[in-house]
């Protein structure tokens, strides 16, 4: 017999190995007494820490922090109704209706005839955002039946952070592209994800992030450029979160 003994919460013996150097515990969880009240952050849990199975203790509050900041991803939807046309070469804000079922949508109309057109929007990113690169997809549809499935469209997006006392008239970060091919008139189109977009201006917690969405009107994708309007319904932004959110 080993010269040591472990017991469960009800006083019964816990099975252990014969060698202290190779000890393991077969803990009877059901035999432990209930906590009896709500868990608090200072309650302790056991953690198998390290490649050699070193057992350590940790406050349960650290588990909460880990789950909230483990580098998971989330998304933020910006509808067309939250955008404004740029003053220079601006897209057009419009409400359209599909007649068969009287379905209406707010859209931002990006023309395809003469020059690139632009729309802009402001976002305060969630506190949990890790302040690093983001990605985006554009939700759009052709604005005219005179469109073919072999035609191409491209949007591009840039963003910049504005902190308290920063100039609002400041340069944005480098643009990223989102190219797509026409499927059919009146169908929803979702572009592939953009490349990694770096937000200009060294973003910090609570910054106003200004975005500028544009259409490259003559992008041909190696084929034919779509020469009719593109109706944008919104932009989906994906961001990584690994920051603990604190109360103000």
C-alpha atoms as a PDB file:
ATOM      1  CA  UNK A   1       0.000   0.000   0.000  1.00  0.00           C
ATOM      2  CA  UNK A   2       1.018   3.584  -0.586  1.00  0.00           C
ATOM      3  CA  UNK A   3       1.887   5.629   2.472  1.00  0.00           C
ATOM      4  CA  UNK A   4      -0.535   8.434   1.578  1.00  0.00           C
ATOM      5  CA  UNK A   5      -4.297   8.714   1.123  1.00  0.00           C
ATOM      6  CA  UNK A   6      -6.663  11.055  -0.662  1.00  0.00           C
ATOM      7  CA  UNK A   7     -10.365  11.384   0.057  1.00  0.00           C
ATOM      8  CA  UNK A   8     -13.464  12.655  -1.732  1.00  0.00           C
ATOM      9  CA  UNK A   9     -15.620  15.385  -0.292  1.00  0.00           C
ATOM     10  CA  UNK A  10     -17.836  12.805   1.448  1.00  0.00           C
ATOM     11  CA  UNK A  11     -14.840  11.246   3.203  1.00  0.00           C
ATOM     12  CA  UNK A  12     -14.566   8.161   1.018  1.00  0.00           C
ATOM     13  CA  UNK A  13     -11.154   7.111  -0.260  1.00  0.00           C
ATOM     14  CA  UNK A  14      -9.896   8.203  -3.663  1.00  0.00           C
ATOM     15  CA  UNK A  15      -8.115   5.612  -5.792  1.00  0.00           C
ATOM     16  CA  UNK A  16      -4.501   6.578  -6.531  1.00  0.00           C
ATOM     17  CA  UNK A  17      -1.555   4.850  -8.149  1.00  0.00           C
ATOM     18  CA  UNK A  18       0.987   2.993  -6.004  1.00  0.00           C
ATOM     19  CA  UNK A  19       3.871   5.313  -6.966  1.00  0.00           C
ATOM     20  CA  UNK A  20       3.848   8.937  -5.811  1.00  0.00           C
ATOM     21  CA  UNK A  21       5.992   9.789  -8.849  1.00  0.00           C
ATOM     22  CA  UNK A  22       3.245   8.456 -11.152  1.00  0.00           C
ATOM     23  CA  UNK A  23       0.237   9.343  -9.020  1.00  0.00           C
ATOM     24  CA  UNK A  24      -3.102   9.888 -10.636  1.00  0.00           C
ATOM     25  CA  UNK A  25      -6.451  10.649  -9.066  1.00  0.00           C
ATOM     26  CA  UNK A  26      -9.744   8.969  -9.879  1.00  0.00           C
ATOM     27  CA  UNK A  27     -11.895  11.683  -8.343  1.00  0.00           C
ATOM     28  CA  UNK A  28     -15.520  10.872  -7.585  1.00  0.00           C
ATOM     29  CA  UNK A  29     -17.222  14.097  -8.725  1.00  0.00           C
ATOM     30  CA  UNK A  30     -20.632  12.914  -7.523  1.00  0.00           C
ATOM     31  CA  UNK A  31     -19.174  12.481  -4.061  1.00  0.00           C
ATOM     32  CA  UNK A  32     -18.231  16.138  -3.731  1.00  0.00           C
ATOM     33  CA  UNK A  33     -20.477  18.531  -1.870  1.00  0.00           C
ATOM     34  CA  UNK A  34     -22.345  21.096  -3.987  1.00  0.00           C
ATOM     35  CA  UNK A  35     -21.031  24.661  -3.901  1.00  0.00           C
ATOM     36  CA  UNK A  36     -24.422  25.733  -2.622  1.00  0.00           C
ATOM     37  CA  UNK A  37     -24.383  29.279  -3.968  1.00  0.00           C
ATOM     38  CA  UNK A  38     -23.634  31.157  -7.165  1.00  0.00           C
ATOM     39  CA  UNK A  39     -20.105  30.805  -8.483  1.00  0.00           C
ATOM     40  CA  UNK A  40     -17.834  33.814  -8.031  1.00  0.00           C
ATOM     41  CA  UNK A  41     -14.674  34.839  -9.833  1.00  0.00           C
ATOM     42  CA  UNK A  42     -12.422  33.797  -6.975  1.00  0.00           C
ATOM     43  CA  UNK A  43     -13.658  30.190  -6.914  1.00  0.00           C
ATOM     44  CA  UNK A  44     -10.847  27.810  -7.852  1.00  0.00           C
ATOM     45  CA  UNK A  45     -10.646  25.180 -10.576  1.00  0.00           C
ATOM     46  CA  UNK A  46      -7.967  22.574 -11.294  1.00  0.00           C
ATOM     47  CA  UNK A  47      -6.000  22.944 -14.519  1.00  0.00           C
ATOM     48  CA  UNK A  48      -3.845  20.336 -16.268  1.00  0.00           C
ATOM     49  CA  UNK A  49      -1.118  22.803 -17.174  1.00  0.00           C
ATOM     50  CA  UNK A  50       1.792  21.909 -19.410  1.00  0.00           C
ATOM     51  CA  UNK A  51       3.009  19.044 -21.539  1.00  0.00           C
ATOM     52  CA  UNK A  52       3.918  16.937 -18.493  1.00  0.00           C
ATOM     53  CA  UNK A  53       0.465  17.151 -16.988  1.00  0.00           C
ATOM     54  CA  UNK A  54       1.404  19.533 -14.170  1.00  0.00           C
ATOM     55  CA  UNK A  55      -1.710  20.234 -12.121  1.00  0.00           C
ATOM     56  CA  UNK A  56      -2.260  23.827 -11.052  1.00  0.00           C
ATOM     57  CA  UNK A  57      -5.108  25.902  -9.695  1.00  0.00           C
ATOM     58  CA  UNK A  58      -6.752  28.959 -11.222  1.00  0.00           C
ATOM     59  CA  UNK A  59      -9.519  31.352 -10.318  1.00  0.00           C
ATOM     60  CA  UNK A  60     -12.627  30.732 -12.406  1.00  0.00           C
ATOM     61  CA  UNK A  61     -12.575  34.382 -13.524  1.00  0.00           C
ATOM     62  CA  UNK A  62      -9.539  33.549 -15.666  1.00  0.00           C
ATOM     63  CA  UNK A  63     -11.567  30.875 -17.496  1.00  0.00           C
ATOM     64  CA  UNK A  64     -14.190  33.496 -18.315  1.00  0.00           C
ATOM     65  CA  UNK A  65     -11.504  35.823 -19.639  1.00  0.00           C
ATOM     66  CA  UNK A  66      -9.993  33.050 -21.747  1.00  0.00           C
ATOM     67  CA  UNK A  67     -13.345  32.149 -23.325  1.00  0.00           C
ATOM     68  CA  UNK A  68     -14.000  35.793 -24.145  1.00  0.00           C
ATOM     69  CA  UNK A  69     -10.555  36.502 -25.570  1.00  0.00           C
ATOM     70  CA  UNK A  70      -9.433  33.266 -27.206  1.00  0.00           C
ATOM     71  CA  UNK A  71      -9.190  34.783 -30.678  1.00  0.00           C
ATOM     72  CA  UNK A  72     -12.679  33.967 -31.931  1.00  0.00           C
ATOM     73  CA  UNK A  73     -14.213  35.836 -34.850  1.00  0.00           C
ATOM     74  CA  UNK A  74     -17.418  37.827 -35.098  1.00  0.00           C
ATOM     75  CA  UNK A  75     -19.174  39.885 -37.771  1.00  0.00           C
ATOM     76  CA  UNK A  76     -20.771  43.302 -38.025  1.00  0.00           C
ATOM     77  CA  UNK A  77     -23.499  44.067 -40.594  1.00  0.00           C
ATOM     78  CA  UNK A  78     -23.677  47.542 -42.156  1.00  0.00           C
ATOM     79  CA  UNK A  79     -26.847  47.927 -44.243  1.00  0.00           C
ATOM     80  CA  UNK A  80     -27.058  50.266 -47.211  1.00  0.00           C
ATOM     81  CA  UNK A  81     -29.395  52.492 -45.194  1.00  0.00           C
ATOM     82  CA  UNK A  82     -26.499  53.268 -42.819  1.00  0.00           C
ATOM     83  CA  UNK A  83     -24.320  54.538 -45.687  1.00  0.00           C
ATOM     84  CA  UNK A  84     -24.167  57.993 -47.246  1.00  0.00           C
ATOM     85  CA  UNK A  85     -23.200  58.860 -50.828  1.00  0.00           C
ATOM     86  CA  UNK A  86     -19.812  60.545 -51.104  1.00  0.00           C
ATOM     87  CA  UNK A  87     -20.020  64.229 -52.069  1.00  0.00           C
ATOM     88  CA  UNK A  88     -17.578  63.635 -54.917  1.00  0.00           C
ATOM     89  CA  UNK A  89     -18.643  60.971 -57.442  1.00  0.00           C
ATOM     90  CA  UNK A  90     -21.154  59.651 -54.942  1.00  0.00           C
ATOM     91  CA  UNK A  91     -23.284  56.558 -55.281  1.00  0.00           C
ATOM     92  CA  UNK A  92     -27.054  57.084 -54.952  1.00  0.00           C
ATOM     93  CA  UNK A  93     -29.170  56.067 -51.969  1.00  0.00           C
ATOM     94  CA  UNK A  94     -32.416  54.497 -53.108  1.00  0.00           C
ATOM     95  CA  UNK A  95     -35.296  52.284 -51.979  1.00  0.00           C
ATOM     96  CA  UNK A  96     -36.241  49.688 -54.589  1.00  0.00           C
ATOM     97  CA  UNK A  97     -39.158  47.274 -54.780  1.00  0.00           C
ATOM     98  CA  UNK A  98     -39.365  43.868 -56.424  1.00  0.00           C
ATOM     99  CA  UNK A  99     -42.890  43.840 -57.781  1.00  0.00           C
ATOM    100  CA  UNK A 100     -43.953  40.187 -57.756  1.00  0.00           C
ATOM    101  CA  UNK A 101     -43.987  39.985 -53.948  1.00  0.00           C
ATOM    102  CA  UNK A 102     -43.770  43.714 -53.105  1.00  0.00           C
ATOM    103  CA  UNK A 103     -40.345  43.214 -51.479  1.00  0.00           C
ATOM    104  CA  UNK A 104     -38.507  46.488 -50.790  1.00  0.00           C
ATOM    105  CA  UNK A 105     -34.822  47.066 -50.001  1.00  0.00           C
ATOM    106  CA  UNK A 106     -32.672  50.060 -49.221  1.00  0.00           C
ATOM    107  CA  UNK A 107     -29.751  49.984 -51.635  1.00  0.00           C
ATOM    108  CA  UNK A 108     -26.763  52.106 -52.535  1.00  0.00           C
ATOM    109  CA  UNK A 109     -26.612  52.433 -56.313  1.00  0.00           C
ATOM    110  CA  UNK A 110     -23.088  52.278 -57.770  1.00  0.00           C
ATOM    111  CA  UNK A 111     -23.174  53.301 -61.414  1.00  0.00           C
ATOM    112  CA  UNK A 112     -21.324  51.359 -64.085  1.00  0.00           C
ATOM    113  CA  UNK A 113     -21.102  53.855 -66.908  1.00  0.00           C
ATOM    114  CA  UNK A 114     -18.532  56.626 -66.552  1.00  0.00           C
ATOM    115  CA  UNK A 115     -16.378  56.622 -63.398  1.00  0.00           C
ATOM    116  CA  UNK A 116     -15.870  55.000 -60.014  1.00  0.00           C
ATOM    117  CA  UNK A 117     -18.557  55.884 -57.473  1.00  0.00           C
ATOM    118  CA  UNK A 118     -18.330  55.910 -53.683  1.00  0.00           C
ATOM    119  CA  UNK A 119     -20.311  55.661 -50.461  1.00  0.00           C
ATOM    120  CA  UNK A 120     -19.178  56.044 -46.858  1.00  0.00           C
ATOM    121  CA  UNK A 121     -20.163  54.970 -43.358  1.00  0.00           C
ATOM    122  CA  UNK A 122     -18.988  55.266 -39.759  1.00  0.00           C
ATOM    123  CA  UNK A 123     -18.725  52.461 -37.217  1.00  0.00           C
ATOM    124  CA  UNK A 124     -17.529  52.241 -33.626  1.00  0.00           C
ATOM    125  CA  UNK A 125     -16.181  48.706 -33.472  1.00  0.00           C
ATOM    126  CA  UNK A 126     -17.092  46.447 -30.527  1.00  0.00           C
ATOM    127  CA  UNK A 127     -14.718  46.753 -27.561  1.00  0.00           C
ATOM    128  CA  UNK A 128     -13.616  43.130 -27.960  1.00  0.00           C
ATOM    129  CA  UNK A 129     -12.075  43.809 -31.395  1.00  0.00           C
ATOM    130  CA  UNK A 130      -8.359  43.045 -31.309  1.00  0.00           C
ATOM    131  CA  UNK A 131      -7.619  46.265 -33.298  1.00  0.00           C
ATOM    132  CA  UNK A 132      -5.908  44.286 -36.045  1.00  0.00           C
ATOM    133  CA  UNK A 133      -6.901  43.616 -39.659  1.00  0.00           C
ATOM    134  CA  UNK A 134     -10.497  43.005 -40.688  1.00  0.00           C
ATOM    135  CA  UNK A 135     -12.142  41.506 -43.762  1.00  0.00           C
ATOM    136  CA  UNK A 136     -15.347  42.285 -45.650  1.00  0.00           C
ATOM    137  CA  UNK A 137     -17.906  40.935 -48.099  1.00  0.00           C
ATOM    138  CA  UNK A 138     -20.301  43.026 -50.187  1.00  0.00           C
ATOM    139  CA  UNK A 139     -23.938  41.953 -50.598  1.00  0.00           C
ATOM    140  CA  UNK A 140     -25.221  43.264 -53.928  1.00  0.00           C
ATOM    141  CA  UNK A 141     -27.390  42.639 -56.985  1.00  0.00           C
ATOM    142  CA  UNK A 142     -27.403  43.897 -60.591  1.00  0.00           C
ATOM    143  CA  UNK A 143     -29.618  46.945 -61.012  1.00  0.00           C
ATOM    144  CA  UNK A 144     -30.798  46.182 -64.545  1.00  0.00           C
ATOM    145  CA  UNK A 145     -32.110  43.194 -66.475  1.00  0.00           C
ATOM    146  CA  UNK A 146     -29.587  43.976 -69.236  1.00  0.00           C
ATOM    147  CA  UNK A 147     -26.862  41.941 -67.563  1.00  0.00           C
ATOM    148  CA  UNK A 148     -25.108  38.713 -68.505  1.00  0.00           C
ATOM    149  CA  UNK A 149     -23.631  35.883 -66.471  1.00  0.00           C
ATOM    150  CA  UNK A 150     -20.178  36.365 -68.004  1.00  0.00           C
ATOM    151  CA  UNK A 151     -19.812  39.935 -66.701  1.00  0.00           C
ATOM    152  CA  UNK A 152     -17.748  41.094 -63.725  1.00  0.00           C
ATOM    153  CA  UNK A 153     -17.923  43.721 -61.005  1.00  0.00           C
ATOM    154  CA  UNK A 154     -15.409  44.855 -58.386  1.00  0.00           C
ATOM    155  CA  UNK A 155     -15.749  46.852 -55.174  1.00  0.00           C
ATOM    156  CA  UNK A 156     -12.957  48.208 -53.006  1.00  0.00           C
ATOM    157  CA  UNK A 157     -12.940  49.310 -49.388  1.00  0.00           C
ATOM    158  CA  UNK A 158     -10.704  51.420 -47.150  1.00  0.00           C
ATOM    159  CA  UNK A 159     -10.968  52.495 -43.516  1.00  0.00           C
ATOM    160  CA  UNK A 160      -9.337  54.832 -41.021  1.00  0.00           C
ATOM    161  CA  UNK A 161      -9.544  55.283 -37.245  1.00  0.00           C
ATOM    162  CA  UNK A 162     -10.375  58.608 -35.581  1.00  0.00           C
ATOM    163  CA  UNK A 163      -9.625  59.120 -31.868  1.00  0.00           C
ATOM    164  CA  UNK A 164     -10.734  62.009 -29.671  1.00  0.00           C
ATOM    165  CA  UNK A 165      -9.174  65.273 -30.990  1.00  0.00           C
ATOM    166  CA  UNK A 166      -8.041  63.630 -34.253  1.00  0.00           C
ATOM    167  CA  UNK A 167      -8.681  65.414 -37.545  1.00  0.00           C
ATOM    168  CA  UNK A 168     -11.715  64.004 -39.349  1.00  0.00           C
ATOM    169  CA  UNK A 169     -10.145  64.900 -42.697  1.00  0.00           C
ATOM    170  CA  UNK A 170      -7.374  62.306 -42.600  1.00  0.00           C
ATOM    171  CA  UNK A 171      -6.211  59.649 -45.049  1.00  0.00           C
ATOM    172  CA  UNK A 172      -7.670  56.160 -44.911  1.00  0.00           C
ATOM    173  CA  UNK A 173      -5.732  52.904 -44.964  1.00  0.00           C
ATOM    174  CA  UNK A 174      -4.827  50.848 -48.030  1.00  0.00           C
ATOM    175  CA  UNK A 175      -7.788  49.588 -50.049  1.00  0.00           C
ATOM    176  CA  UNK A 176      -8.752  45.937 -50.464  1.00  0.00           C
ATOM    177  CA  UNK A 177     -10.717  44.545 -53.404  1.00  0.00           C
ATOM    178  CA  UNK A 178     -13.785  42.326 -53.618  1.00  0.00           C
ATOM    179  CA  UNK A 179     -14.442  41.090 -57.160  1.00  0.00           C
ATOM    180  CA  UNK A 180     -17.450  39.043 -58.229  1.00  0.00           C
ATOM    181  CA  UNK A 181     -19.076  37.549 -61.303  1.00  0.00           C
ATOM    182  CA  UNK A 182     -22.698  38.091 -62.297  1.00  0.00           C
ATOM    183  CA  UNK A 183     -25.050  35.177 -61.619  1.00  0.00           C
ATOM    184  CA  UNK A 184     -28.424  36.551 -62.716  1.00  0.00           C
ATOM    185  CA  UNK A 185     -30.493  39.722 -62.548  1.00  0.00           C
ATOM    186  CA  UNK A 186     -32.468  40.124 -59.285  1.00  0.00           C
ATOM    187  CA  UNK A 187     -30.404  37.415 -57.533  1.00  0.00           C
ATOM    188  CA  UNK A 188     -28.489  38.173 -54.354  1.00  0.00           C
ATOM    189  CA  UNK A 189     -24.740  38.185 -54.935  1.00  0.00           C
ATOM    190  CA  UNK A 190     -22.193  37.898 -52.107  1.00  0.00           C
ATOM    191  CA  UNK A 191     -18.608  38.679 -52.999  1.00  0.00           C
ATOM    192  CA  UNK A 192     -15.742  36.503 -51.801  1.00  0.00           C
ATOM    193  CA  UNK A 193     -14.058  37.812 -48.672  1.00  0.00           C
ATOM    194  CA  UNK A 194     -11.640  40.648 -49.159  1.00  0.00           C
ATOM    195  CA  UNK A 195      -8.004  40.381 -48.282  1.00  0.00           C
ATOM    196  CA  UNK A 196      -6.854  41.602 -44.889  1.00  0.00           C
ATOM    197  CA  UNK A 197      -7.817  45.270 -44.506  1.00  0.00           C
ATOM    198  CA  UNK A 198      -5.546  47.358 -42.292  1.00  0.00           C
ATOM    199  CA  UNK A 199      -7.445  50.206 -40.655  1.00  0.00           C
ATOM    200  CA  UNK A 200      -5.388  53.371 -40.974  1.00  0.00           C
ATOM    201  CA  UNK A 201      -4.582  55.616 -38.031  1.00  0.00           C
ATOM    202  CA  UNK A 202      -3.570  53.086 -35.333  1.00  0.00           C
ATOM    203  CA  UNK A 203      -7.069  52.198 -34.053  1.00  0.00           C
ATOM    204  CA  UNK A 204      -7.745  52.306 -30.318  1.00  0.00           C
ATOM    205  CA  UNK A 205     -10.659  51.391 -28.074  1.00  0.00           C
ATOM    206  CA  UNK A 206     -13.737  53.494 -28.837  1.00  0.00           C
ATOM    207  CA  UNK A 207     -12.395  55.043 -32.043  1.00  0.00           C
ATOM    208  CA  UNK A 208     -14.717  56.118 -34.815  1.00  0.00           C
ATOM    209  CA  UNK A 209     -13.845  53.984 -37.848  1.00  0.00           C
ATOM    210  CA  UNK A 210     -14.624  55.664 -41.157  1.00  0.00           C
ATOM    211  CA  UNK A 211     -15.123  53.387 -44.169  1.00  0.00           C
ATOM    212  CA  UNK A 212     -15.250  54.263 -47.856  1.00  0.00           C
ATOM    213  CA  UNK A 213     -16.775  51.713 -50.248  1.00  0.00           C
ATOM    214  CA  UNK A 214     -16.217  52.175 -53.973  1.00  0.00           C
ATOM    215  CA  UNK A 215     -16.979  50.448 -57.236  1.00  0.00           C
ATOM    216  CA  UNK A 216     -14.358  50.027 -59.952  1.00  0.00           C
ATOM    217  CA  UNK A 217     -16.838  50.709 -62.758  1.00  0.00           C
ATOM    218  CA  UNK A 218     -14.792  49.208 -65.618  1.00  0.00           C
ATOM    219  CA  UNK A 219     -13.368  46.121 -63.906  1.00  0.00           C
ATOM    220  CA  UNK A 220     -13.605  43.317 -66.451  1.00  0.00           C
ATOM    221  CA  UNK A 221     -12.204  40.368 -64.475  1.00  0.00           C
ATOM    222  CA  UNK A 222     -10.365  39.214 -67.574  1.00  0.00           C
ATOM    223  CA  UNK A 223     -13.691  39.150 -69.451  1.00  0.00           C
ATOM    224  CA  UNK A 224     -16.401  41.798 -69.736  1.00  0.00           C
ATOM    225  CA  UNK A 225     -17.150  44.573 -67.256  1.00  0.00           C
ATOM    226  CA  UNK A 226     -20.745  44.843 -66.045  1.00  0.00           C
ATOM    227  CA  UNK A 227     -21.884  48.177 -67.489  1.00  0.00           C
ATOM    228  CA  UNK A 228     -25.125  48.573 -65.514  1.00  0.00           C
ATOM    229  CA  UNK A 229     -25.764  49.771 -61.962  1.00  0.00           C
ATOM    230  CA  UNK A 230     -24.770  47.596 -59.018  1.00  0.00           C
ATOM    231  CA  UNK A 231     -27.195  47.804 -56.095  1.00  0.00           C
ATOM    232  CA  UNK A 232     -25.393  47.262 -52.786  1.00  0.00           C
ATOM    233  CA  UNK A 233     -27.584  46.023 -49.927  1.00  0.00           C
ATOM    234  CA  UNK A 234     -24.843  46.117 -47.308  1.00  0.00           C
ATOM    235  CA  UNK A 235     -21.367  45.129 -46.181  1.00  0.00           C
ATOM    236  CA  UNK A 236     -20.519  42.358 -43.727  1.00  0.00           C
ATOM    237  CA  UNK A 237     -17.331  43.044 -41.754  1.00  0.00           C
ATOM    238  CA  UNK A 238     -15.497  40.220 -40.000  1.00  0.00           C
ATOM    239  CA  UNK A 239     -13.208  41.015 -37.092  1.00  0.00           C
ATOM    240  CA  UNK A 240     -11.187  39.067 -34.555  1.00  0.00           C
ATOM    241  CA  UNK A 241     -11.829  39.615 -30.865  1.00  0.00           C
ATOM    242  CA  UNK A 242      -9.403  38.937 -28.067  1.00  0.00           C
ATOM    243  CA  UNK A 243      -9.956  41.858 -25.722  1.00  0.00           C
ATOM    244  CA  UNK A 244     -11.742  41.636 -22.374  1.00  0.00           C
ATOM    245  CA  UNK A 245     -14.659  44.072 -22.303  1.00  0.00           C
ATOM    246  CA  UNK A 246     -14.663  46.261 -19.190  1.00  0.00           C
ATOM    247  CA  UNK A 247     -17.451  48.418 -17.773  1.00  0.00           C
ATOM    248  CA  UNK A 248     -17.230  52.136 -18.456  1.00  0.00           C
END
